[in-house]
Protein backbone atom coordinates (compact mmCIF):
# COMPACT_ATOMS: atom_id res chain seq x y z
CA MET A 1 0.00 0.00 0.00
CA LYS A 2 1.33 3.45 -0.91
CA GLN A 3 1.20 6.32 1.54
CA LEU A 4 0.53 9.93 0.63
CA GLU A 5 3.57 12.16 1.00
CA ASP A 6 1.86 15.47 0.30
CA LEU A 7 -1.37 17.05 -0.89
CA ASP A 8 -1.27 19.67 -3.66
CA PHE A 9 -4.03 22.24 -4.17
CA ALA A 10 -3.63 24.87 -6.92
CA ASP A 11 -0.95 27.06 -5.32
CA ASP A 12 -0.99 25.37 -1.89
CA LEU A 13 0.92 22.35 -0.62
CA THR A 14 0.33 20.25 2.49
CA LEU A 15 3.22 18.08 3.67
CA LEU A 16 2.34 14.92 5.58
CA SER A 17 4.60 13.17 8.09
CA HIS A 18 4.60 10.89 11.10
CA ASN A 19 7.08 12.85 13.20
CA HIS A 20 8.91 16.15 13.59
CA ALA A 21 12.13 14.88 11.97
CA GLN A 22 10.28 13.88 8.78
CA ILE A 23 8.50 17.21 8.44
CA LYS A 24 11.75 19.09 9.09
CA ASP A 25 13.49 17.08 6.35
CA LYS A 26 10.60 17.68 3.93
CA MET A 27 10.60 21.42 4.68
CA ASN A 28 14.36 21.62 4.05
CA THR A 29 13.94 19.81 0.73
CA LEU A 30 11.03 22.06 -0.24
CA ASN A 31 13.01 25.20 0.64
CA ASN A 32 16.05 24.05 -1.35
CA LYS A 33 14.05 23.06 -4.44
CA SER A 34 11.93 26.21 -4.39
CA GLN A 35 15.06 28.39 -4.20
CA GLN A 36 16.55 26.53 -7.18
CA LEU A 37 13.38 27.25 -9.17
CA GLY A 38 13.12 30.87 -8.02
CA LEU A 39 9.92 30.25 -6.07
CA LYS A 40 9.11 31.83 -2.72
CA ILE A 41 7.18 30.38 0.22
CA HIS A 42 4.85 32.93 1.77
CA ARG A 43 5.51 32.45 5.47
CA GLY A 44 2.40 34.39 6.45
CA LYS A 45 0.20 31.77 4.81
CA LYS A 46 1.69 28.69 6.47
CA ASP A 47 -0.27 26.59 8.92
CA GLN A 48 0.95 23.81 11.16
CA PRO A 49 -2.01 21.58 11.96
CA ARG A 50 -1.71 19.40 15.03
CA SER A 51 -2.80 15.80 15.19
């Protein structure tokens, strides 16, 4: 069975993880890739839902 890694909605992205280390790694990867592509993450729009 495959697990979802992220959910993409138009210009929004939701990263999914099981622990803090995974989300931190995914955020670092997202930041690095977005910088390479010249994209910016709007920090004011970010949410951190709790489980």
